Amino acid sequence: MSVQLNHTIIHTRDKNEAAEFYCDILGLPAPSVSDPFLTVACANDVTLAFADYLPSATPQHYAFLVSEAEFDAIFERLNARGLRYWADPMHLRPSEINNADGGRGLYWEDPNGHNLEIITRPYGSGT
């Protein structure tokens, strides 16, 4: 068996709020309970496990590879919520989309300050 990422734990102030946010923005199925976590399944069998931890979680980075159509739908949901986004992980290029590797990508923050990213091409796959 090759090594594959199976799950990651996302530390939150409120796991319910966070899991619902990810499901809504990314268009993922509703979370399920797997005590003490709320889990959200991604299409590639990776699970996001949301946990209530410290009052302030240390910001992390989570990147999602999406199709062009999914990118458009997610971008529309970000705009509908009035969420800020950036073309870069340092948030120096506000309200821009990047074209890394011939695809599209952008970054935004979840309610806990985690830096989320969607890309339509894996890094290193294009020009």
C-alpha atoms as a PDB file:
ATOM      1  CA  MET A   1       0.000   0.000   0.000  1.00  0.00           C
ATOM      2  CA  SER A   2       1.281   3.463  -0.817  1.00  0.00           C
ATOM      3  CA  VAL A   3       1.226   6.151   1.848  1.00  0.00           C
ATOM      4  CA  GLN A   4      -1.940   8.230   1.693  1.00  0.00           C
ATOM      5  CA  LEU A   5      -3.296  11.004   3.861  1.00  0.00           C
ATOM      6  CA  ASN A   6      -6.352   9.578   5.625  1.00  0.00           C
ATOM      7  CA  HIS A   7      -7.495  12.412   7.892  1.00  0.00           C
ATOM      8  CA  THR A   8      -6.437  15.575   9.614  1.00  0.00           C
ATOM      9  CA  ILE A   9      -7.744  17.199  12.777  1.00  0.00           C
ATOM     10  CA  ILE A  10      -8.775  20.829  12.478  1.00  0.00           C
ATOM     11  CA  HIS A  11      -8.678  22.639  15.831  1.00  0.00           C
ATOM     12  CA  THR A  12     -11.576  25.042  16.329  1.00  0.00           C
ATOM     13  CA  ARG A  13     -13.331  27.123  18.922  1.00  0.00           C
ATOM     14  CA  ASP A  14     -16.669  25.639  17.765  1.00  0.00           C
ATOM     15  CA  LYS A  15     -16.541  22.413  15.750  1.00  0.00           C
ATOM     16  CA  ASN A  16     -20.190  22.710  14.687  1.00  0.00           C
ATOM     17  CA  GLU A  17     -19.721  26.187  13.219  1.00  0.00           C
ATOM     18  CA  ALA A  18     -16.463  25.210  11.513  1.00  0.00           C
ATOM     19  CA  ALA A  19     -17.725  21.940  10.000  1.00  0.00           C
ATOM     20  CA  GLU A  20     -20.853  23.650   8.663  1.00  0.00           C
ATOM     21  CA  PHE A  21     -18.714  26.449   7.184  1.00  0.00           C
ATOM     22  CA  TYR A  22     -16.508  23.995   5.274  1.00  0.00           C
ATOM     23  CA  CYS A  23     -19.488  21.948   4.057  1.00  0.00           C
ATOM     24  CA  ASP A  24     -21.331  25.056   2.898  1.00  0.00           C
ATOM     25  CA  ILE A  25     -18.416  26.816   1.173  1.00  0.00           C
ATOM     26  CA  LEU A  26     -16.855  23.697  -0.380  1.00  0.00           C
ATOM     27  CA  GLY A  27     -20.140  21.988  -1.250  1.00  0.00           C
ATOM     28  CA  LEU A  28     -19.328  18.902   0.837  1.00  0.00           C
ATOM     29  CA  PRO A  29     -21.810  16.469   2.432  1.00  0.00           C
ATOM     30  CA  ALA A  30     -23.070  17.222   5.950  1.00  0.00           C
ATOM     31  CA  PRO A  31     -20.704  16.295   8.782  1.00  0.00           C
ATOM     32  CA  SER A  32     -21.118  13.112  10.781  1.00  0.00           C
ATOM     33  CA  VAL A  33     -20.423  12.553  14.462  1.00  0.00           C
ATOM     34  CA  SER A  34     -17.399  10.481  15.391  1.00  0.00           C
ATOM     35  CA  ASP A  35     -16.881  11.403  19.047  1.00  0.00           C
ATOM     36  CA  PRO A  36     -15.214  13.638  19.966  1.00  0.00           C
ATOM     37  CA  PHE A  37     -15.070  14.907  16.372  1.00  0.00           C
ATOM     38  CA  LEU A  38     -17.397  16.106  13.657  1.00  0.00           C
ATOM     39  CA  THR A  39     -16.063  14.581  10.447  1.00  0.00           C
ATOM     40  CA  VAL A  40     -16.428  15.769   6.879  1.00  0.00           C
ATOM     41  CA  ALA A  41     -15.517  13.451   4.005  1.00  0.00           C
ATOM     42  CA  CYS A  42     -13.717  14.765   0.918  1.00  0.00           C
ATOM     43  CA  ALA A  43     -13.978  13.054  -2.484  1.00  0.00           C
ATOM     44  CA  ASN A  44     -10.510  11.461  -2.244  1.00  0.00           C
ATOM     45  CA  ASP A  45     -11.313   9.558   0.977  1.00  0.00           C
ATOM     46  CA  VAL A  46      -9.565  12.122   3.176  1.00  0.00           C
ATOM     47  CA  THR A  47     -11.568  13.099   6.236  1.00  0.00           C
ATOM     48  CA  LEU A  48     -11.507  16.463   7.976  1.00  0.00           C
ATOM     49  CA  ALA A  49     -12.035  15.890  11.709  1.00  0.00           C
ATOM     50  CA  PHE A  50     -13.201  19.037  13.499  1.00  0.00           C
ATOM     51  CA  ALA A  51     -12.441  19.249  17.215  1.00  0.00           C
ATOM     52  CA  ASP A  52     -13.166  21.766  19.947  1.00  0.00           C
ATOM     53  CA  TYR A  53      -9.801  22.643  21.444  1.00  0.00           C
ATOM     54  CA  LEU A  54      -8.341  25.787  22.842  1.00  0.00           C
ATOM     55  CA  PRO A  55     -10.173  29.126  22.898  1.00  0.00           C
ATOM     56  CA  SER A  56      -7.861  30.246  20.096  1.00  0.00           C
ATOM     57  CA  ALA A  57      -6.627  27.687  17.595  1.00  0.00           C
ATOM     58  CA  THR A  58      -3.198  28.108  15.995  1.00  0.00           C
ATOM     59  CA  PRO A  59      -3.858  28.969  12.347  1.00  0.00           C
ATOM     60  CA  GLN A  60      -3.071  26.191   9.874  1.00  0.00           C
ATOM     61  CA  HIS A  61      -3.256  25.882   6.086  1.00  0.00           C
ATOM     62  CA  TYR A  62      -5.607  23.534   4.230  1.00  0.00           C
ATOM     63  CA  ALA A  63      -5.549  23.357   0.412  1.00  0.00           C
ATOM     64  CA  PHE A  64      -8.210  21.716  -1.744  1.00  0.00           C
ATOM     65  CA  LEU A  65      -7.769  20.607  -5.349  1.00  0.00           C
ATOM     66  CA  VAL A  66     -11.029  21.318  -7.201  1.00  0.00           C
ATOM     67  CA  SER A  67     -12.346  21.229 -10.758  1.00  0.00           C
ATOM     68  CA  GLU A  68     -12.919  24.422 -12.726  1.00  0.00           C
ATOM     69  CA  ALA A  69     -16.688  24.110 -12.153  1.00  0.00           C
ATOM     70  CA  GLU A  70     -16.171  23.556  -8.408  1.00  0.00           C
ATOM     71  CA  PHE A  71     -13.844  26.569  -8.282  1.00  0.00           C
ATOM     72  CA  ASP A  72     -16.582  28.730  -9.845  1.00  0.00           C
ATOM     73  CA  ALA A  73     -19.211  27.450  -7.391  1.00  0.00           C
ATOM     74  CA  ILE A  74     -16.955  27.943  -4.349  1.00  0.00           C
ATOM     75  CA  PHE A  75     -15.943  31.408  -5.552  1.00  0.00           C
ATOM     76  CA  GLU A  76     -19.631  32.296  -5.928  1.00  0.00           C
ATOM     77  CA  ARG A  77     -20.364  31.122  -2.360  1.00  0.00           C
ATOM     78  CA  LEU A  78     -17.394  33.124  -0.998  1.00  0.00           C
ATOM     79  CA  ASN A  79     -18.683  36.240  -2.730  1.00  0.00           C
ATOM     80  CA  ALA A  80     -22.267  35.621  -1.590  1.00  0.00           C
ATOM     81  CA  ARG A  81     -21.012  35.626   2.014  1.00  0.00           C
ATOM     82  CA  GLY A  82     -18.893  38.720   1.407  1.00  0.00           C
ATOM     83  CA  LEU A  83     -15.734  36.871   2.428  1.00  0.00           C
ATOM     84  CA  ARG A  84     -12.366  38.402   1.627  1.00  0.00           C
ATOM     85  CA  TYR A  85      -9.943  36.416  -0.535  1.00  0.00           C
ATOM     86  CA  TRP A  86      -6.387  36.736  -1.765  1.00  0.00           C
ATOM     87  CA  ALA A  87      -4.227  35.409  -4.609  1.00  0.00           C
ATOM     88  CA  ASP A  88      -1.382  34.509  -2.246  1.00  0.00           C
ATOM     89  CA  PRO A  89      -0.875  32.790   1.119  1.00  0.00           C
ATOM     90  CA  MET A  90       0.557  35.930   2.735  1.00  0.00           C
ATOM     91  CA  HIS A  91      -2.619  37.879   1.850  1.00  0.00           C
ATOM     92  CA  LEU A  92      -0.707  40.595  -0.014  1.00  0.00           C
ATOM     93  CA  ARG A  93      -2.863  40.474  -3.161  1.00  0.00           C
ATOM     94  CA  PRO A  94      -6.472  41.061  -2.022  1.00  0.00           C
ATOM     95  CA  SER A  95      -9.456  40.383  -4.284  1.00  0.00           C
ATOM     96  CA  GLU A  96      -7.281  38.596  -6.865  1.00  0.00           C
ATOM     97  CA  ILE A  97      -7.152  35.046  -8.222  1.00  0.00           C
ATOM     98  CA  ASN A  98      -3.763  33.536  -9.053  1.00  0.00           C
ATOM     99  CA  ASN A  99      -2.976  31.557 -12.204  1.00  0.00           C
ATOM    100  CA  ALA A 100      -0.288  29.261 -10.814  1.00  0.00           C
ATOM    101  CA  ASP A 101       0.602  26.308 -13.050  1.00  0.00           C
ATOM    102  CA  GLY A 102      -1.921  27.434 -15.655  1.00  0.00           C
ATOM    103  CA  GLY A 103      -4.877  26.970 -13.283  1.00  0.00           C
ATOM    104  CA  ARG A 104      -6.664  29.185 -10.807  1.00  0.00           C
ATOM    105  CA  GLY A 105      -6.240  29.531  -7.074  1.00  0.00           C
ATOM    106  CA  LEU A 106      -7.211  31.684  -4.148  1.00  0.00           C
ATOM    107  CA  TYR A 107      -6.992  31.858  -0.359  1.00  0.00           C
ATOM    108  CA  TRP A 108      -9.478  32.846   2.354  1.00  0.00           C
ATOM    109  CA  GLU A 109      -9.863  32.403   6.100  1.00  0.00           C
ATOM    110  CA  ASP A 110     -12.274  30.181   7.979  1.00  0.00           C
ATOM    111  CA  PRO A 111     -13.993  31.387  11.200  1.00  0.00           C
ATOM    112  CA  ASN A 112     -10.976  30.217  13.249  1.00  0.00           C
ATOM    113  CA  GLY A 113      -8.355  32.011  11.157  1.00  0.00           C
ATOM    114  CA  HIS A 114      -7.169  28.928   9.267  1.00  0.00           C
ATOM    115  CA  ASN A 115      -5.855  29.810   5.799  1.00  0.00           C
ATOM    116  CA  LEU A 116      -7.872  27.877   3.204  1.00  0.00           C
ATOM    117  CA  GLU A 117      -6.923  27.490  -0.439  1.00  0.00           C
ATOM    118  CA  ILE A 118      -8.560  26.158  -3.576  1.00  0.00           C
ATOM    119  CA  ILE A 119      -6.542  25.337  -6.682  1.00  0.00           C
ATOM    120  CA  THR A 120      -7.558  23.861 -10.019  1.00  0.00           C
ATOM    121  CA  ARG A 121      -4.105  22.437 -10.832  1.00  0.00           C
ATOM    122  CA  PRO A 122      -1.609  20.824  -8.457  1.00  0.00           C
ATOM    123  CA  TYR A 123       1.536  22.850  -7.890  1.00  0.00           C
ATOM    124  CA  GLY A 124       4.278  21.847 -10.304  1.00  0.00           C
ATOM    125  CA  SER A 125       1.840  20.442 -12.870  1.00  0.00           C
ATOM    126  CA  GLY A 126       1.911  23.267 -15.419  1.00  0.00           C
ATOM    127  CA  THR A 127       3.721  26.342 -16.570  1.00  0.00           C
END
